[in-house]
């Protein structure tokens, strides 16, 4: 039996309607900075007003920072940390998807520490400093089912000038309290439902093939894969399907409980470093077939891939190729079979810069793949689907 550690200090209120329980919880401070995106959905659908009312019922004052962009930047973080100090807030409330929650975690960290967030990044251009002080308390209210950020310490932040999109994580970045309420996810459009859901899927699938996987992590991951394979197509087809939304919310949180990402996430972080508007989940989908098929072709992860295929409904899987087929069918079922890197602005010439960047940014553990990938392997994975779609289904017809 492998040795492992499992630490989950976050209190989670899970289930439809749980936002209404926020005011009953012990708040970690007296004044909150509510952090949302620079979009309108939290306001348009009434989520922000509901959170404000809950805080007021709990006797908590609040201010608003609504400047987080889809791929949050170091500038977003530093502006948010300044807003904490300017408004005399002593904790933060993240209301949004993964980008908002990630940014809020780093805002909480920088509200308590000197300098710039990149001083604490482990990327090539990061300062790699330890933090002197713990982050101020964090409350997360997730409005999407994709990143698992409500139950982990990780945050992904971009530095546009340095073309780095990297992970930042310190133990104090665990949320104190998180609310996972599927009622707040009903308004997510089909495409983003698919991108977010597949992000959660890849958190789980990367964990299963990870060389460092163990029974605890596999338990969460395989259940998440089972739920996503069954319910993500339904949520994409009908966003008002309460059962599908609730099970996707559960799958997302389960995948976040023990996330062991491989180089697949790093591969996407490089793409996002060059293209700030590329949706993370879409980028992962664009390289998924080529990435996983690299190992299936070499029979490097047969047992874990067959476990995943079985979780996805394949009755008697016999090889890793059964997982590849199930993966392609799932991607097709959620309307993402025709995603192209070229449509995101990625060029053949640009791809040649990507392999080196994999060693400079943080996404997943590039040493944890079933087989070590060379820079030539990374380039081949990028190149396979630059302009084409997932052709394996066509080939098998």
Protein backbone atom coordinates (compact mmCIF):
# COMPACT_ATOMS: atom_id res chain seq x y z
CA UNK A 1 0.00 0.00 0.00
CA UNK A 2 1.38 3.41 -0.96
CA UNK A 3 1.93 6.08 1.64
CA UNK A 4 -0.11 9.23 1.15
CA UNK A 5 -1.48 12.24 2.99
CA UNK A 6 -5.01 13.59 2.83
CA UNK A 7 -5.77 16.98 4.34
CA UNK A 8 -9.12 18.70 3.74
CA UNK A 9 -9.72 21.63 6.10
CA UNK A 10 -12.49 23.16 3.97
CA UNK A 11 -16.04 22.93 5.27
CA UNK A 12 -18.30 22.23 2.28
CA UNK A 13 -22.03 22.94 2.13
CA UNK A 14 -23.15 20.81 -0.81
CA UNK A 15 -26.54 20.70 -2.49
CA UNK A 16 -29.18 22.71 -4.29
CA UNK A 17 -30.31 25.68 -2.23
CA UNK A 18 -27.30 25.72 0.09
CA UNK A 19 -26.50 29.37 -0.60
CA UNK A 20 -29.43 30.20 1.66
CA UNK A 21 -27.49 28.61 4.55
CA UNK A 22 -24.55 31.00 4.31
CA UNK A 23 -25.87 33.40 6.95
CA UNK A 24 -26.12 30.55 9.46
CA UNK A 25 -22.40 29.82 9.24
CA UNK A 26 -19.77 31.33 11.49
CA UNK A 27 -18.10 33.97 9.36
CA UNK A 28 -14.28 34.19 9.50
CA UNK A 29 -14.31 37.99 9.78
CA UNK A 30 -16.34 41.16 10.11
CA UNK A 31 -16.01 42.63 6.60
CA UNK A 32 -15.72 40.74 3.33
CA UNK A 33 -14.42 41.70 -0.08
CA UNK A 34 -16.79 39.99 -2.51
CA UNK A 35 -14.79 39.01 -5.59
CA UNK A 36 -16.52 38.38 -8.92
CA UNK A 37 -15.63 38.40 -12.61
CA UNK A 38 -15.65 41.38 -14.94
CA UNK A 39 -18.67 39.85 -16.65
CA UNK A 40 -22.33 40.34 -15.79
CA UNK A 41 -23.63 36.86 -14.98
CA UNK A 42 -23.36 37.08 -11.16
CA UNK A 43 -25.31 40.34 -11.23
CA UNK A 44 -27.70 39.43 -14.04
CA UNK A 45 -28.86 36.20 -12.43
CA UNK A 46 -29.16 37.70 -8.95
CA UNK A 47 -26.35 35.68 -7.35
CA UNK A 48 -24.46 38.75 -6.16
CA UNK A 49 -27.55 40.27 -4.56
CA UNK A 50 -28.26 36.98 -2.78
CA UNK A 51 -24.72 36.79 -1.40
CA UNK A 52 -24.88 40.39 -0.22
CA UNK A 53 -28.16 39.65 1.55
CA UNK A 54 -26.71 36.54 3.21
CA UNK A 55 -23.72 38.50 4.50
CA UNK A 56 -25.96 41.25 5.82
CA UNK A 57 -28.10 38.69 7.63
CA UNK A 58 -24.90 37.33 9.18
CA UNK A 59 -23.95 40.84 10.35
CA UNK A 60 -21.01 41.07 7.95
CA UNK A 61 -20.17 44.28 6.08
CA UNK A 62 -18.91 43.98 2.50
CA UNK A 63 -17.27 45.69 -0.45
CA UNK A 64 -17.10 44.57 -4.09
CA UNK A 65 -14.21 43.81 -6.45
CA UNK A 66 -15.62 42.84 -9.87
CA UNK A 67 -12.56 42.99 -12.11
CA UNK A 68 -11.45 39.35 -12.47
CA UNK A 69 -11.01 38.35 -16.08
CA UNK A 70 -11.53 34.79 -17.47
CA UNK A 71 -7.80 33.96 -17.21
CA UNK A 72 -6.93 36.04 -14.10
CA UNK A 73 -3.70 38.02 -14.15
CA UNK A 74 -1.13 39.14 -11.64
CA UNK A 75 -2.57 42.64 -12.06
CA UNK A 76 -6.02 41.34 -11.08
CA UNK A 77 -4.48 39.84 -7.97
CA UNK A 78 -2.60 42.95 -6.92
CA UNK A 79 -5.58 45.23 -7.60
CA UNK A 80 -7.75 42.94 -5.51
CA UNK A 81 -5.25 42.86 -2.64
CA UNK A 82 -5.23 46.66 -2.69
CA UNK A 83 -9.04 46.64 -2.56
CA UNK A 84 -8.89 44.43 0.56
CA UNK A 85 -6.64 46.94 2.30
CA UNK A 86 -8.43 50.06 1.03
CA UNK A 87 -11.77 48.73 2.28
CA UNK A 88 -10.44 47.35 5.58
CA UNK A 89 -11.69 43.85 4.77
CA UNK A 90 -10.51 40.90 6.84
CA UNK A 91 -11.65 38.04 4.57
CA UNK A 92 -12.70 37.43 0.96
CA UNK A 93 -15.75 35.82 -0.61
CA UNK A 94 -15.25 34.40 -4.11
CA UNK A 95 -18.46 34.28 -6.14
CA UNK A 96 -17.87 32.68 -9.53
CA UNK A 97 -16.11 29.92 -11.38
CA UNK A 98 -12.55 28.73 -11.22
CA UNK A 99 -11.00 31.97 -12.42
CA UNK A 100 -12.70 33.98 -9.69
CA UNK A 101 -11.89 31.46 -6.97
CA UNK A 102 -8.25 31.17 -8.09
CA UNK A 103 -7.85 34.92 -8.17
CA UNK A 104 -9.54 35.28 -4.78
CA UNK A 105 -7.11 32.82 -3.21
CA UNK A 106 -4.15 34.82 -4.45
CA UNK A 107 -5.78 38.11 -3.43
CA UNK A 108 -6.17 36.65 0.08
CA UNK A 109 -2.50 35.66 0.04
CA UNK A 110 -1.29 39.05 -1.14
CA UNK A 111 -3.54 40.93 1.28
CA UNK A 112 -1.29 39.50 3.99
CA UNK A 113 2.11 39.50 2.27
CA UNK A 114 4.47 42.12 0.81
CA UNK A 115 5.54 42.49 -2.80
CA UNK A 116 3.95 41.07 -5.95
CA UNK A 117 2.25 37.71 -6.44
CA UNK A 118 4.95 36.72 -8.93
CA UNK A 119 7.51 36.96 -6.12
CA UNK A 120 5.96 33.71 -4.88
CA UNK A 121 5.57 31.94 -8.22
CA UNK A 122 7.69 28.86 -8.97
CA UNK A 123 7.67 29.50 -12.72
CA UNK A 124 10.80 30.43 -14.65
CA UNK A 125 10.34 34.16 -14.07
CA UNK A 126 8.88 33.78 -10.60
CA UNK A 127 10.66 34.85 -7.43
CA UNK A 128 10.19 31.42 -5.79
CA UNK A 129 9.97 33.03 -2.34
CA UNK A 130 8.26 31.43 0.64
CA UNK A 131 5.36 33.44 2.05
CA UNK A 132 5.86 35.18 5.38
CA UNK A 133 2.18 35.19 6.39
CA UNK A 134 -0.88 33.01 5.85
CA UNK A 135 -3.60 34.16 3.49
CA UNK A 136 -6.57 35.89 5.07
CA UNK A 137 -9.66 33.61 5.26
CA UNK A 138 -11.40 32.60 2.03
CA UNK A 139 -15.03 31.68 1.40
CA UNK A 140 -15.82 30.18 -2.02
CA UNK A 141 -19.24 30.09 -3.66
CA UNK A 142 -18.81 28.29 -6.95
CA UNK A 143 -21.06 28.99 -9.93
CA UNK A 144 -19.54 26.35 -12.23
CA UNK A 145 -18.66 22.65 -12.23
CA UNK A 146 -15.14 22.43 -13.56
CA UNK A 147 -12.09 23.43 -11.59
CA UNK A 148 -12.57 22.03 -8.10
CA UNK A 149 -11.02 25.26 -6.80
CA UNK A 150 -13.52 25.35 -3.94
CA UNK A 151 -11.74 22.46 -2.22
CA UNK A 152 -8.05 22.84 -3.04
CA UNK A 153 -5.11 25.19 -2.48
CA UNK A 154 -4.23 25.71 -6.13
CA UNK A 155 -4.66 28.88 -8.17
CA UNK A 156 -3.76 29.45 -11.81
CA UNK A 157 -2.65 32.99 -12.64
CA UNK A 158 -1.32 34.52 -15.87
CA UNK A 159 1.44 37.02 -16.47
CA UNK A 160 0.71 38.32 -19.95
CA UNK A 161 3.94 40.28 -20.27
CA UNK A 162 6.10 37.27 -19.43
CA UNK A 163 3.83 34.80 -21.27
CA UNK A 164 3.52 32.61 -18.20
CA UNK A 165 0.37 30.90 -16.95
CA UNK A 166 1.29 29.07 -13.81
CA UNK A 167 0.06 27.44 -10.63
CA UNK A 168 0.50 29.10 -7.24
CA UNK A 169 -0.27 27.11 -4.11
CA UNK A 170 0.28 27.49 -0.39
CA UNK A 171 -1.53 25.57 2.39
CA UNK A 172 -3.24 28.69 3.72
CA UNK A 173 -5.02 29.06 0.36
CA UNK A 174 -7.48 26.31 1.28
CA UNK A 175 -10.92 27.94 1.56
CA UNK A 176 -12.33 28.03 5.07
CA UNK A 177 -15.86 27.47 3.79
CA UNK A 178 -17.24 26.55 0.37
CA UNK A 179 -20.75 26.38 -0.99
CA UNK A 180 -21.48 24.06 -3.90
CA UNK A 181 -25.04 24.86 -4.94
CA UNK A 182 -26.15 23.52 -8.31
CA UNK A 183 -28.88 26.17 -8.47
CA UNK A 184 -26.11 28.67 -9.23
CA UNK A 185 -24.94 26.60 -12.22
CA UNK A 186 -28.19 26.34 -14.14
CA UNK A 187 -27.45 29.42 -16.24
CA UNK A 188 -24.07 28.26 -17.61
CA UNK A 189 -24.32 28.06 -21.46
CA UNK A 190 -23.85 24.65 -23.15
CA UNK A 191 -20.35 25.32 -24.52
CA UNK A 192 -19.00 26.45 -21.16
CA UNK A 193 -20.81 23.60 -19.42
CA UNK A 194 -18.84 21.28 -21.70
CA UNK A 195 -15.49 23.05 -21.24
CA UNK A 196 -15.86 23.15 -17.46
CA UNK A 197 -17.11 19.59 -17.19
CA UNK A 198 -14.27 18.23 -19.29
CA UNK A 199 -11.78 20.16 -17.15
CA UNK A 200 -13.13 18.23 -14.15
CA UNK A 201 -12.94 15.02 -16.18
CA UNK A 202 -9.27 15.62 -16.97
CA UNK A 203 -8.48 16.41 -13.33
CA UNK A 204 -9.75 12.91 -12.61
CA UNK A 205 -8.28 11.10 -15.62
CA UNK A 206 -4.85 12.65 -15.11
CA UNK A 207 -5.01 11.53 -11.49
CA UNK A 208 -5.78 7.94 -12.49
CA UNK A 209 -2.88 7.61 -14.94
CA UNK A 210 -0.52 9.54 -12.66
CA UNK A 211 2.44 7.44 -11.48
CA UNK A 212 1.82 8.73 -7.96
CA UNK A 213 -1.84 7.71 -7.80
CA UNK A 214 -3.00 5.76 -4.76
CA UNK A 215 -6.30 4.21 -3.60
CA UNK A 216 -7.62 7.37 -1.94
CA UNK A 217 -7.14 9.51 -5.03
CA UNK A 218 -8.35 6.81 -7.40
CA UNK A 219 -11.57 6.44 -5.40
CA UNK A 220 -12.49 10.09 -5.91
CA UNK A 221 -11.31 10.18 -9.52
CA UNK A 222 -13.11 7.09 -10.81
CA UNK A 223 -16.41 8.19 -9.26
CA UNK A 224 -15.98 11.63 -10.83
CA UNK A 225 -15.31 10.03 -14.24
CA UNK A 226 -18.40 7.84 -13.91
CA UNK A 227 -20.63 10.82 -13.09
CA UNK A 228 -19.21 13.07 -15.80
CA UNK A 229 -19.52 10.43 -18.53
CA UNK A 230 -23.19 9.96 -17.60
CA UNK A 231 -24.34 13.46 -16.75
CA UNK A 232 -22.22 15.97 -18.71
CA UNK A 233 -23.94 15.23 -22.05
CA UNK A 234 -27.31 15.67 -20.33
CA UNK A 235 -26.28 18.98 -18.76
CA UNK A 236 -25.06 20.22 -22.14
CA UNK A 237 -28.28 19.18 -23.86
CA UNK A 238 -30.54 20.71 -21.22
CA UNK A 239 -29.05 23.18 -18.78
CA UNK A 240 -32.21 23.11 -16.68
CA UNK A 241 -31.77 19.41 -15.90
CA UNK A 242 -31.46 19.60 -12.11
CA UNK A 243 -30.26 16.00 -11.70
CA UNK A 244 -27.51 16.46 -14.28
CA UNK A 245 -26.37 19.76 -12.77
CA UNK A 246 -26.26 18.35 -9.25
CA UNK A 247 -24.27 15.30 -10.31
CA UNK A 248 -21.85 17.44 -12.30
CA UNK A 249 -21.37 19.63 -9.23
CA UNK A 250 -20.61 16.51 -7.20
CA UNK A 251 -18.22 15.15 -9.82
CA UNK A 252 -16.35 18.43 -9.95
CA UNK A 253 -15.89 18.58 -6.19
CA UNK A 254 -14.87 14.92 -5.97
CA UNK A 255 -12.24 15.46 -8.67
CA UNK A 256 -10.96 18.47 -6.72
CA UNK A 257 -10.55 16.56 -3.47
CA UNK A 258 -7.46 14.74 -4.65
CA UNK A 259 -6.13 16.24 -7.87
CA UNK A 260 -2.88 14.83 -9.26
CA UNK A 261 -2.44 16.53 -12.61
CA UNK A 262 0.11 15.34 -15.15
CA UNK A 263 1.79 17.14 -18.04
CA UNK A 264 -1.59 17.40 -19.81
CA UNK A 265 -2.42 20.44 -17.72
CA UNK A 266 1.02 21.94 -18.32
CA UNK A 267 0.53 21.45 -22.06
CA UNK A 268 -2.62 23.59 -21.86
CA UNK A 269 -1.08 26.21 -19.59
CA UNK A 270 1.49 26.89 -22.29
CA UNK A 271 -1.29 27.42 -24.82
CA UNK A 272 -3.02 29.78 -22.40
CA UNK A 273 0.21 31.66 -21.80
CA UNK A 274 0.20 32.71 -25.45
CA UNK A 275 -3.57 33.16 -25.83
CA UNK A 276 -5.24 34.93 -22.92
CA UNK A 277 -8.76 34.32 -24.23
CA UNK A 278 -8.37 30.57 -24.65
CA UNK A 279 -10.79 28.82 -22.30
CA UNK A 280 -8.83 26.36 -20.17
CA UNK A 281 -11.21 23.44 -20.67
CA UNK A 282 -11.29 24.01 -24.43
CA UNK A 283 -7.50 23.94 -24.56
CA UNK A 284 -7.44 20.66 -22.65
CA UNK A 285 -9.94 19.12 -25.06
CA UNK A 286 -7.88 20.20 -28.07
CA UNK A 287 -4.92 18.05 -27.03
CA UNK A 288 -6.71 15.27 -25.13
CA UNK A 289 -6.90 12.58 -27.79
CA UNK A 290 -3.29 12.97 -28.85
CA UNK A 291 -2.07 13.08 -25.25
CA UNK A 292 -3.87 9.99 -23.97
CA UNK A 293 -3.41 8.05 -27.19
CA UNK A 294 0.36 8.56 -26.85
CA UNK A 295 0.23 6.22 -23.84
CA UNK A 296 -2.43 3.89 -25.24
CA UNK A 297 -0.36 3.28 -28.37
CA UNK A 298 2.60 2.31 -26.20
CA UNK A 299 0.48 0.31 -23.71
CA UNK A 300 1.97 2.43 -20.94
CA UNK A 301 -1.20 2.80 -18.85
CA UNK A 302 -3.33 -0.20 -19.71
CA UNK A 303 -4.75 -0.98 -16.26
CA UNK A 304 -5.68 2.60 -15.29
CA UNK A 305 -7.15 3.27 -18.74
CA UNK A 306 -9.27 0.14 -18.57
CA UNK A 307 -10.50 1.21 -15.12
CA UNK A 308 -11.53 4.56 -16.58
CA UNK A 309 -13.20 2.91 -19.58
CA UNK A 310 -15.23 0.73 -17.22
CA UNK A 311 -16.23 3.79 -15.18
CA UNK A 312 -17.43 5.35 -18.44
CA UNK A 313 -19.72 2.41 -19.17
CA UNK A 314 -17.54 0.13 -21.29
CA UNK A 315 -18.61 -3.34 -20.16
CA UNK A 316 -15.49 -5.41 -20.81
CA UNK A 317 -12.54 -3.17 -21.69
CA UNK A 318 -9.52 -5.05 -22.98
CA UNK A 319 -7.00 -2.28 -23.60
CA UNK A 320 -6.27 1.41 -23.22
CA UNK A 321 -7.79 1.94 -26.65
CA UNK A 322 -11.22 1.31 -25.14
CA UNK A 323 -10.71 4.39 -22.99
CA UNK A 324 -9.60 6.43 -26.01
CA UNK A 325 -12.77 5.46 -27.87
CA UNK A 326 -14.95 6.31 -24.85
CA UNK A 327 -13.14 9.64 -24.44
CA UNK A 328 -13.68 10.56 -28.08
CA UNK A 329 -17.35 9.62 -27.84
CA UNK A 330 -17.77 11.78 -24.72
CA UNK A 331 -16.08 14.76 -26.37
CA UNK A 332 -18.38 14.31 -29.36
CA UNK A 333 -21.45 13.97 -27.14
CA UNK A 334 -20.78 17.34 -25.50
CA UNK A 335 -20.34 19.08 -28.85
CA UNK A 336 -16.57 19.58 -28.79
CA UNK A 337 -15.33 17.16 -31.47
CA UNK A 338 -14.62 19.97 -33.92
CA UNK A 339 -12.50 22.25 -31.71
CA UNK A 340 -9.40 23.42 -33.54
CA UNK A 341 -6.28 25.08 -32.17
CA UNK A 342 -6.06 27.16 -35.32
CA UNK A 343 -9.42 28.76 -34.52
CA UNK A 344 -7.95 29.93 -31.21
CA UNK A 345 -5.20 31.74 -33.14
CA UNK A 346 -2.50 29.12 -32.59
CA UNK A 347 -0.13 28.77 -35.55
CA UNK A 348 2.24 26.03 -36.70
CA UNK A 349 5.21 28.35 -36.21
CA UNK A 350 4.14 29.24 -32.70
CA UNK A 351 3.88 25.58 -31.70
CA UNK A 352 7.63 25.22 -32.02
CA UNK A 353 8.02 27.53 -29.01
CA UNK A 354 5.75 25.45 -26.81
CA UNK A 355 7.88 22.44 -25.74
CA UNK A 356 10.50 24.60 -24.04
CA UNK A 357 7.77 26.51 -22.24
CA UNK A 358 6.53 23.27 -20.69
CA UNK A 359 9.66 23.31 -18.54
CA UNK A 360 9.06 26.93 -17.49
CA UNK A 361 5.41 27.04 -16.35
CA UNK A 362 3.50 25.01 -13.79
CA UNK A 363 0.33 23.10 -14.50
CA UNK A 364 0.78 19.48 -13.60
CA UNK A 365 3.69 17.26 -12.69
CA UNK A 366 5.52 16.48 -15.93
CA UNK A 367 7.50 13.76 -14.15
CA UNK A 368 4.32 11.86 -13.22
CA UNK A 369 3.26 10.72 -16.70
CA UNK A 370 3.12 6.96 -17.35
CA UNK A 371 6.05 7.49 -19.72
CA UNK A 372 8.42 10.44 -19.91
CA UNK A 373 7.69 12.70 -22.86
CA UNK A 374 10.46 14.36 -24.83
CA UNK A 375 10.17 17.83 -26.33
CA UNK A 376 9.64 16.12 -29.69
CA UNK A 377 6.74 14.16 -28.17
CA UNK A 378 5.18 17.35 -26.80
CA UNK A 379 5.48 19.01 -30.20
CA UNK A 380 3.85 16.04 -31.92
CA UNK A 381 0.93 16.17 -29.49
CA UNK A 382 0.44 19.85 -30.22
CA UNK A 383 0.73 19.38 -33.97
CA UNK A 384 -1.71 16.50 -34.34
CA UNK A 385 -4.82 18.59 -33.91
CA UNK A 386 -3.72 22.05 -34.96
CA UNK A 387 -6.21 22.18 -37.83
CA UNK A 388 -7.98 18.82 -37.68
CA UNK A 389 -10.73 17.46 -35.49
CA UNK A 390 -10.99 14.27 -33.48
CA UNK A 391 -10.77 11.96 -36.47
CA UNK A 392 -10.59 8.65 -34.61
CA UNK A 393 -14.38 8.27 -34.69
CA UNK A 394 -14.34 8.79 -38.44
CA UNK A 395 -11.60 6.19 -38.85
CA UNK A 396 -13.48 3.59 -36.83
CA UNK A 397 -16.75 3.88 -38.75
